[in-house]
Amino acid sequence: MGSQVTLAQVAERAGVSLATASRVVNGSERVVGARFRERVLAAAEELGYTANTFAQAVARGRSDVVGLVVPDIQDPYFSVIAAAAMAVVEPSGEMMLGTTLRRQEQELRYVSTMRARQARAVIMVGSRTTDNTHTRQLAEAIAEFVAGGGRAVVIGQDKLGADTVLPLNRAGAKDLALALVDQGHRSFGILAGPSTLLTAKDRVDGFIDGLARRGRRPSVILHSDFTRDGGYQAMSQLLDRRTTPGCVFAVNDVMAIGAMAAVRERGVKIAVAGFDDIPTLRDVAPSLTTVRLPLEDMGRMAASMAMDEPGERRRVIRVKGEVILRDSTTLVRNA
C-alpha cells in the first residue's frame, strides 16, 4: 500500500505552485482562474488526493464542524436533543459530539478544542451550576470563540452571553404542582437532584411555588444525583422514613423511573411525577405523569441558530413545558 498523496504532489502534477493548489483544494476566498482550477482538480482526482479538513478550515477562516457538548449522552434527554440537532447540521456541515461525563471543567476544554479547530459553531447543552467562577470562565471562553468568527448556542439557563434556547423549568414545575393538587393529592415530597444544579433548583422552586398557591408545602426534600440511580436512592431513603408523602415529584424523568423502581420493590403505593417527557420512557408502566418539553424542537432550534450567519443581536428563545397527567399519579389518591 503506497504512502498518502500530498498536496505538493498534486501541485507538481498540475504544474502549479503549492499555494495555487491549496487555494483550489482548500477553498480559499482568493479566486483561482478556471484553467488552473481545472488542472488542479484533475490532478487531485487522478492521484486520489484526500483534502485535509483542518487545512480547509484555515483557508476559509472556519470549518463546517459544529461541536455539540452534553453532560451525559446516555441520558435520553440529551440524546434526543443531539439527534435532532444532527439532522439539521449534517446536510451542510459535520457534527462533533462531546460528553463531559457531568464534569463541568470539561466544558472549557471542549470550547478550547472547537476554537483550535476553527469550528463553525459550538452548542452547549445542559444546566449551569452554582459555581459562578466556572460560569464566568466558560462565558469568557465562548466570547473568545465568537470573537474569532464562530457561533455559540446554549440550551439551558441564559448565563453564558450566547444565543440561548431557554426551557422555562420553574414555570413548568409550578404548573405541575397546581395540577397535582387539583387532582386530589394532599401530601408531597421532592426528589430534588443536586443542590448545585440550576435546572434542579429551578424545578424545585417552581414546584414549591405551585404548592404554596394551593396552601400546601412539601413534607420532605431529598437531594441526590440527577440520574436513575439517584432517583432510586433518594426514594429508598424517603421510604425509610416513619411517614411518607402520597405524591413525589422527581425533578427529571430518569430520576422518576428510579423512584418508581424503589416503590415497586417495597410494594407500596405512592404517586410519582417527573419532568421532561423523554420519548424513550413513555411506555413505562404505570405511564409517567410529567412536564413535556419539546426536546426535538429544542435541538432543531439550537442547531438552526448555530448554522445561521452571525447577527448583531443575541437571541433567547423561551420554551414552555406542558403538564401531561398519566397513570403514575391518577392511579393513586392520597387522603
Protein backbone atom coordinates (compact mmCIF):
# COMPACT_ATOMS: atom_id res chain seq x y z
CA MET A 1 0.00 0.00 0.00
CA GLY A 2 1.52 3.33 -1.06
CA SER A 3 2.01 6.41 1.05
CA GLN A 4 -0.68 9.09 1.26
CA VAL A 5 -0.72 11.56 -1.63
CA THR A 6 0.38 15.07 -0.62
CA LEU A 7 -0.83 18.43 -1.87
CA ALA A 8 2.70 19.11 -3.13
CA GLN A 9 2.39 16.09 -5.45
CA VAL A 10 -0.92 17.42 -6.74
CA ALA A 11 0.65 20.82 -7.41
CA GLU A 12 3.57 19.20 -9.24
CA ARG A 13 1.26 17.07 -11.40
CA ALA A 14 -0.89 20.11 -12.25
CA GLY A 15 2.13 22.31 -12.97
CA VAL A 16 1.13 24.99 -10.49
CA SER A 17 2.51 26.37 -7.24
CA LEU A 18 1.68 24.78 -3.92
CA ALA A 19 -0.18 27.95 -2.92
CA THR A 20 -2.38 27.75 -6.02
CA ALA A 21 -3.16 24.10 -5.41
CA SER A 22 -4.03 24.90 -1.80
CA ARG A 23 -6.41 27.68 -2.82
CA VAL A 24 -8.26 25.33 -5.17
CA VAL A 25 -8.47 22.28 -2.92
CA ASN A 26 -8.99 24.03 0.42
CA GLY A 27 -11.49 26.62 -0.72
CA SER A 28 -9.64 29.89 -0.13
CA GLU A 29 -11.51 33.12 -0.76
CA ARG A 30 -8.82 34.08 -3.31
CA VAL A 31 -10.18 33.07 -6.71
CA VAL A 32 -8.08 30.85 -8.97
CA GLY A 33 -8.62 31.07 -12.72
CA ALA A 34 -10.73 28.38 -14.35
CA ARG A 35 -7.84 26.87 -16.37
CA PHE A 36 -5.59 26.35 -13.35
CA ARG A 37 -8.52 25.25 -11.18
CA GLU A 38 -9.45 22.50 -13.65
CA ARG A 39 -5.82 21.31 -13.83
CA VAL A 40 -5.56 21.07 -10.03
CA LEU A 41 -8.86 19.24 -9.65
CA ALA A 42 -7.95 16.82 -12.43
CA ALA A 43 -4.57 16.10 -10.83
CA ALA A 44 -6.16 15.58 -7.41
CA GLU A 45 -8.66 13.11 -8.85
CA GLU A 46 -6.01 11.29 -10.85
CA LEU A 47 -3.72 10.88 -7.82
CA GLY A 48 -6.54 10.08 -5.39
CA TYR A 49 -5.77 13.06 -3.18
CA THR A 50 -7.89 13.47 0.00
CA ALA A 51 -8.19 17.04 1.29
CA ASN A 52 -7.06 17.91 4.81
CA THR A 53 -10.13 19.26 6.61
CA PHE A 54 -8.06 21.36 9.00
CA ALA A 55 -6.23 22.97 6.09
CA GLN A 56 -9.58 23.73 4.53
CA ALA A 57 -10.67 25.42 7.74
CA VAL A 58 -7.57 27.59 7.78
CA ALA A 59 -8.02 28.57 4.13
CA ARG A 60 -11.68 29.51 4.56
CA GLY A 61 -11.28 31.02 8.03
CA ARG A 62 -13.54 28.35 9.57
CA SER A 63 -14.58 24.73 9.11
CA ASP A 64 -18.01 23.19 8.65
CA VAL A 65 -17.75 21.48 12.04
CA VAL A 66 -20.39 22.13 14.69
CA GLY A 67 -19.45 20.90 18.15
CA LEU A 68 -22.26 19.75 20.43
CA VAL A 69 -21.37 19.28 24.09
CA VAL A 70 -23.64 17.39 26.52
CA PRO A 71 -23.16 16.23 30.12
CA ASP A 72 -24.19 12.60 29.54
CA ILE A 73 -25.03 11.03 26.17
CA GLN A 74 -26.64 8.05 27.92
CA ASP A 75 -29.33 10.33 29.35
CA PRO A 76 -32.25 10.26 26.86
CA TYR A 77 -32.85 13.99 27.40
CA PHE A 78 -29.51 14.77 25.79
CA SER A 79 -29.54 12.03 23.17
CA VAL A 80 -32.92 13.19 21.81
CA ILE A 81 -31.67 16.78 21.55
CA ALA A 82 -28.41 15.63 19.93
CA ALA A 83 -30.18 13.52 17.29
CA ALA A 84 -32.48 16.41 16.35
CA ALA A 85 -29.57 18.86 16.12
CA MET A 86 -27.57 16.45 13.98
CA ALA A 87 -30.41 16.16 11.48
CA VAL A 88 -30.21 19.93 10.93
CA VAL A 89 -26.41 20.18 10.77
CA GLU A 90 -25.41 17.14 8.73
CA PRO A 91 -26.77 18.17 5.29
CA SER A 92 -24.31 21.08 5.11
CA GLY A 93 -21.90 20.52 7.99
CA GLU A 94 -20.35 17.97 10.29
CA MET A 95 -21.42 17.36 13.88
CA MET A 96 -18.82 16.52 16.50
CA LEU A 97 -20.39 15.21 19.71
CA GLY A 98 -18.61 15.52 23.03
CA THR A 99 -19.73 14.47 26.51
CA THR A 100 -18.36 15.95 29.72
CA LEU A 101 -19.45 12.95 31.83
CA ARG A 102 -21.01 15.61 34.09
CA ARG A 103 -17.59 17.13 34.83
CA GLN A 104 -18.07 20.84 34.20
CA GLU A 105 -14.36 21.56 33.78
CA GLN A 106 -14.56 19.53 30.56
CA GLU A 107 -16.81 22.20 29.04
CA LEU A 108 -13.88 24.61 28.91
CA ARG A 109 -11.72 22.00 27.23
CA TYR A 110 -14.30 21.37 24.51
CA VAL A 111 -14.74 25.06 23.76
CA SER A 112 -10.95 25.44 23.50
CA THR A 113 -10.81 22.44 21.17
CA MET A 114 -13.53 23.86 18.91
CA ARG A 115 -11.71 27.19 18.80
CA ALA A 116 -8.42 25.49 17.87
CA ARG A 117 -10.19 23.54 15.11
CA GLN A 118 -11.78 26.76 13.84
CA ALA A 119 -15.19 25.14 14.16
CA ARG A 120 -18.17 26.87 12.65
CA ALA A 121 -20.17 26.72 15.88
CA VAL A 122 -20.48 25.13 19.29
CA ILE A 123 -23.74 24.14 21.02
CA MET A 124 -23.61 23.78 24.80
CA VAL A 125 -26.42 21.65 26.23
CA GLY A 126 -27.09 21.32 29.94
CA SER A 127 -27.66 23.12 33.18
CA ARG A 128 -25.44 25.78 34.66
CA THR A 129 -24.38 25.32 38.28
CA THR A 130 -23.91 27.42 41.40
CA ASP A 131 -20.17 27.60 40.57
CA ASN A 132 -20.08 31.23 39.44
CA THR A 133 -16.35 31.13 38.75
CA HIS A 134 -16.73 28.33 36.23
CA THR A 135 -19.72 30.04 34.62
CA ARG A 136 -17.69 33.25 34.20
CA GLN A 137 -14.71 31.38 32.74
CA LEU A 138 -16.93 29.48 30.31
CA ALA A 139 -18.68 32.71 29.24
CA GLU A 140 -15.25 34.27 28.57
CA ALA A 141 -14.12 31.25 26.54
CA ILE A 142 -17.32 31.38 24.48
CA ALA A 143 -16.87 35.13 23.92
CA GLU A 144 -13.35 34.49 22.58
CA PHE A 145 -14.69 31.75 20.29
CA VAL A 146 -17.35 34.11 18.92
CA ALA A 147 -14.83 36.94 18.53
CA GLY A 148 -12.81 34.60 16.32
CA GLY A 149 -15.76 34.14 13.95
CA GLY A 150 -17.55 31.15 15.48
CA ARG A 151 -21.16 30.86 16.59
CA ALA A 152 -22.24 29.73 20.05
CA VAL A 153 -25.66 28.49 21.17
CA VAL A 154 -26.78 27.32 24.60
CA ILE A 155 -29.65 25.05 25.61
CA GLY A 156 -30.18 25.84 29.27
CA GLN A 157 -30.03 28.87 31.51
CA ASP A 158 -29.24 32.23 29.91
CA LYS A 159 -25.90 32.65 31.71
CA LEU A 160 -23.23 32.49 29.01
CA GLY A 161 -23.93 35.53 26.84
CA ALA A 162 -24.73 33.40 23.76
CA ASP A 163 -27.84 32.68 21.72
CA THR A 164 -29.97 30.58 24.05
CA VAL A 165 -32.83 28.10 23.95
CA LEU A 166 -34.26 28.59 27.44
CA PRO A 167 -36.56 25.92 28.94
CA LEU A 168 -38.98 27.52 31.40
CA ASN A 169 -38.30 24.98 34.12
CA ARG A 170 -39.70 26.92 37.03
CA ALA A 171 -42.99 27.71 35.29
CA GLY A 172 -43.45 24.08 34.19
CA ALA A 173 -42.86 22.71 37.69
CA LYS A 174 -45.28 25.25 39.16
CA ASP A 175 -47.98 24.17 36.70
CA LEU A 176 -47.33 20.53 37.61
CA ALA A 177 -47.78 21.21 41.33
CA LEU A 178 -51.06 23.02 40.68
CA ALA A 179 -52.32 20.14 38.53
CA LEU A 180 -51.41 17.51 41.15
CA VAL A 181 -53.17 19.36 43.95
CA ASP A 182 -56.20 19.83 41.72
CA GLN A 183 -56.07 16.09 41.02
CA GLY A 184 -56.63 15.46 44.71
CA HIS A 185 -53.13 14.89 46.10
CA ARG A 186 -52.53 16.36 49.53
CA SER A 187 -49.03 15.46 50.74
CA PHE A 188 -45.86 15.87 48.71
CA GLY A 189 -42.18 15.02 48.65
CA ILE A 190 -39.50 16.23 46.24
CA LEU A 191 -36.53 14.29 44.90
CA ALA A 192 -34.54 17.40 44.19
CA GLY A 193 -31.40 16.24 42.39
CA PRO A 194 -28.07 18.00 43.09
CA SER A 195 -28.27 21.19 45.14
CA THR A 196 -25.65 22.79 42.85
CA LEU A 197 -27.57 22.27 39.58
CA LEU A 198 -29.64 25.29 38.49
CA THR A 199 -32.08 23.21 36.44
CA ALA A 200 -32.90 21.12 39.50
CA LYS A 201 -33.13 24.21 41.70
CA ASP A 202 -35.47 25.99 39.26
CA ARG A 203 -37.77 22.97 39.14
CA VAL A 204 -37.80 22.56 42.92
CA ASP A 205 -38.53 26.27 43.44
CA GLY A 206 -41.31 26.22 40.85
CA PHE A 207 -42.93 23.16 42.39
CA ILE A 208 -42.82 24.70 45.88
CA ASP A 209 -44.33 27.90 44.48
CA GLY A 210 -47.18 25.95 42.88
CA LEU A 211 -47.93 24.08 46.11
CA ALA A 212 -47.92 27.35 48.06
CA ARG A 213 -50.54 28.76 45.72
CA ARG A 214 -52.83 25.94 46.87
CA GLY A 215 -51.89 26.30 50.52
CA ARG A 216 -49.53 23.29 50.52
CA ARG A 217 -45.84 22.66 51.08
CA PRO A 218 -43.59 19.62 50.67
CA SER A 219 -43.06 17.45 53.74
CA VAL A 220 -39.62 16.30 52.60
CA ILE A 221 -36.97 17.39 50.08
CA LEU A 222 -34.12 14.98 49.33
CA HIS A 223 -31.05 15.65 47.18
CA SER A 224 -29.25 13.06 45.05
CA ASP A 225 -27.61 12.56 41.66
CA PHE A 226 -29.54 13.71 38.57
CA THR A 227 -29.76 10.09 37.35
CA ARG A 228 -31.90 6.96 37.52
CA ASP A 229 -29.80 5.60 40.39
CA GLY A 230 -30.03 8.95 42.14
CA GLY A 231 -33.81 8.77 41.98
CA TYR A 232 -33.79 5.18 43.27
CA GLN A 233 -31.54 6.04 46.20
CA ALA A 234 -33.48 9.15 47.18
CA MET A 235 -36.81 7.33 47.04
CA SER A 236 -35.38 4.46 49.09
CA GLN A 237 -34.28 6.99 51.68
CA LEU A 238 -37.72 8.57 51.68
CA LEU A 239 -39.42 5.18 52.15
CA ASP A 240 -37.27 4.53 55.22
CA ARG A 241 -38.93 7.46 56.97
CA ARG A 242 -41.67 6.92 59.53
CA THR A 243 -44.23 8.76 57.41
CA THR A 244 -44.19 9.14 53.64
CA PRO A 245 -45.98 11.59 51.34
CA GLY A 246 -48.64 10.36 48.99
CA CYS A 247 -47.13 12.04 45.91
CA VAL A 248 -43.46 12.51 44.99
CA PHE A 249 -42.05 14.87 42.36
CA ALA A 250 -38.71 13.84 40.85
CA VAL A 251 -37.05 16.73 39.04
CA ASN A 252 -36.42 14.72 35.86
CA ASP A 253 -37.88 11.63 34.22
CA VAL A 254 -34.89 9.36 34.68
CA MET A 255 -34.91 10.06 38.42
CA ALA A 256 -38.64 9.33 38.42
CA ILE A 257 -38.03 5.94 36.80
CA GLY A 258 -35.56 5.07 39.55
CA ALA A 259 -38.05 6.24 42.15
CA MET A 260 -40.80 4.06 40.67
CA ALA A 261 -38.47 1.04 40.79
CA ALA A 262 -37.89 1.63 44.50
CA VAL A 263 -41.64 1.92 45.10
CA ARG A 264 -42.29 -1.37 43.28
CA GLU A 265 -39.64 -3.17 45.30
CA ARG A 266 -41.21 -2.04 48.58
CA GLY A 267 -44.72 -2.91 47.44
CA VAL A 268 -46.13 0.47 48.47
CA LYS A 269 -48.44 2.90 46.70
CA ILE A 270 -47.03 6.35 46.09
CA ALA A 271 -47.79 8.63 43.17
CA VAL A 272 -44.70 9.69 41.19
CA ALA A 273 -44.27 12.53 38.70
CA GLY A 274 -41.26 13.57 36.63
CA PHE A 275 -40.17 16.31 34.23
CA ASP A 276 -39.10 16.31 30.52
CA ASP A 277 -41.37 13.67 28.90
CA ILE A 278 -38.49 11.73 27.38
CA PRO A 279 -39.88 9.73 24.40
CA THR A 280 -38.00 6.52 25.24
CA LEU A 281 -39.66 6.38 28.68
CA ARG A 282 -43.27 6.89 27.62
CA ASP A 283 -44.00 3.15 27.61
CA VAL A 284 -43.11 2.51 31.26
CA ALA A 285 -45.89 1.12 33.46
CA PRO A 286 -47.60 2.88 35.02
CA SER A 287 -47.24 5.65 32.46
CA LEU A 288 -45.43 8.64 33.92
CA THR A 289 -47.03 11.97 34.75
CA THR A 290 -44.56 14.66 33.73
CA VAL A 291 -43.93 18.07 32.19
CA ARG A 292 -43.36 17.77 28.46
CA LEU A 293 -40.54 19.78 26.93
CA PRO A 294 -40.32 19.73 23.10
CA LEU A 295 -36.83 18.21 23.15
CA GLU A 296 -36.55 17.60 19.40
CA ASP A 297 -37.72 21.14 18.65
CA MET A 298 -35.15 22.47 21.13
CA GLY A 299 -32.37 20.57 19.35
CA ARG A 300 -33.52 21.80 15.94
CA MET A 301 -33.82 25.41 17.11
CA ALA A 302 -30.32 25.40 18.61
CA ALA A 303 -28.79 23.83 15.50
CA SER A 304 -30.57 26.28 13.20
CA MET A 305 -29.18 29.21 15.17
CA ALA A 306 -25.71 27.63 15.07
CA MET A 307 -25.87 27.35 11.27
CA ASP A 308 -27.10 30.94 10.79
CA GLU A 309 -24.77 33.74 9.86
CA PRO A 310 -23.80 35.92 12.83
CA GLY A 311 -26.30 38.62 13.72
CA GLU A 312 -25.98 41.83 15.67
CA ARG A 313 -28.46 40.90 18.38
CA ARG A 314 -28.30 37.94 20.73
CA ARG A 315 -31.38 35.72 20.66
CA VAL A 316 -33.15 33.99 23.54
CA ILE A 317 -35.96 31.56 22.68
CA ARG A 318 -38.12 30.66 25.69
CA VAL A 319 -39.64 27.18 25.66
CA LYS A 320 -42.67 26.43 27.82
CA GLY A 321 -43.42 22.99 29.23
CA GLU A 322 -46.80 21.25 29.15
CA VAL A 323 -48.18 19.20 32.04
CA ILE A 324 -49.07 15.65 30.99
CA LEU A 325 -51.14 13.74 33.58
CA ARG A 326 -50.83 9.96 33.31
CA ASP A 327 -51.38 6.82 35.39
CA SER A 328 -48.46 7.23 37.76
CA THR A 329 -50.43 9.87 39.63
CA THR A 330 -54.06 9.20 38.68
CA LEU A 331 -53.90 5.61 39.94
CA VAL A 332 -53.10 6.72 43.49
CA ARG A 333 -55.22 9.02 45.59
CA ASN A 334 -53.93 10.09 48.97
CA ALA A 335 -56.25 11.24 51.68
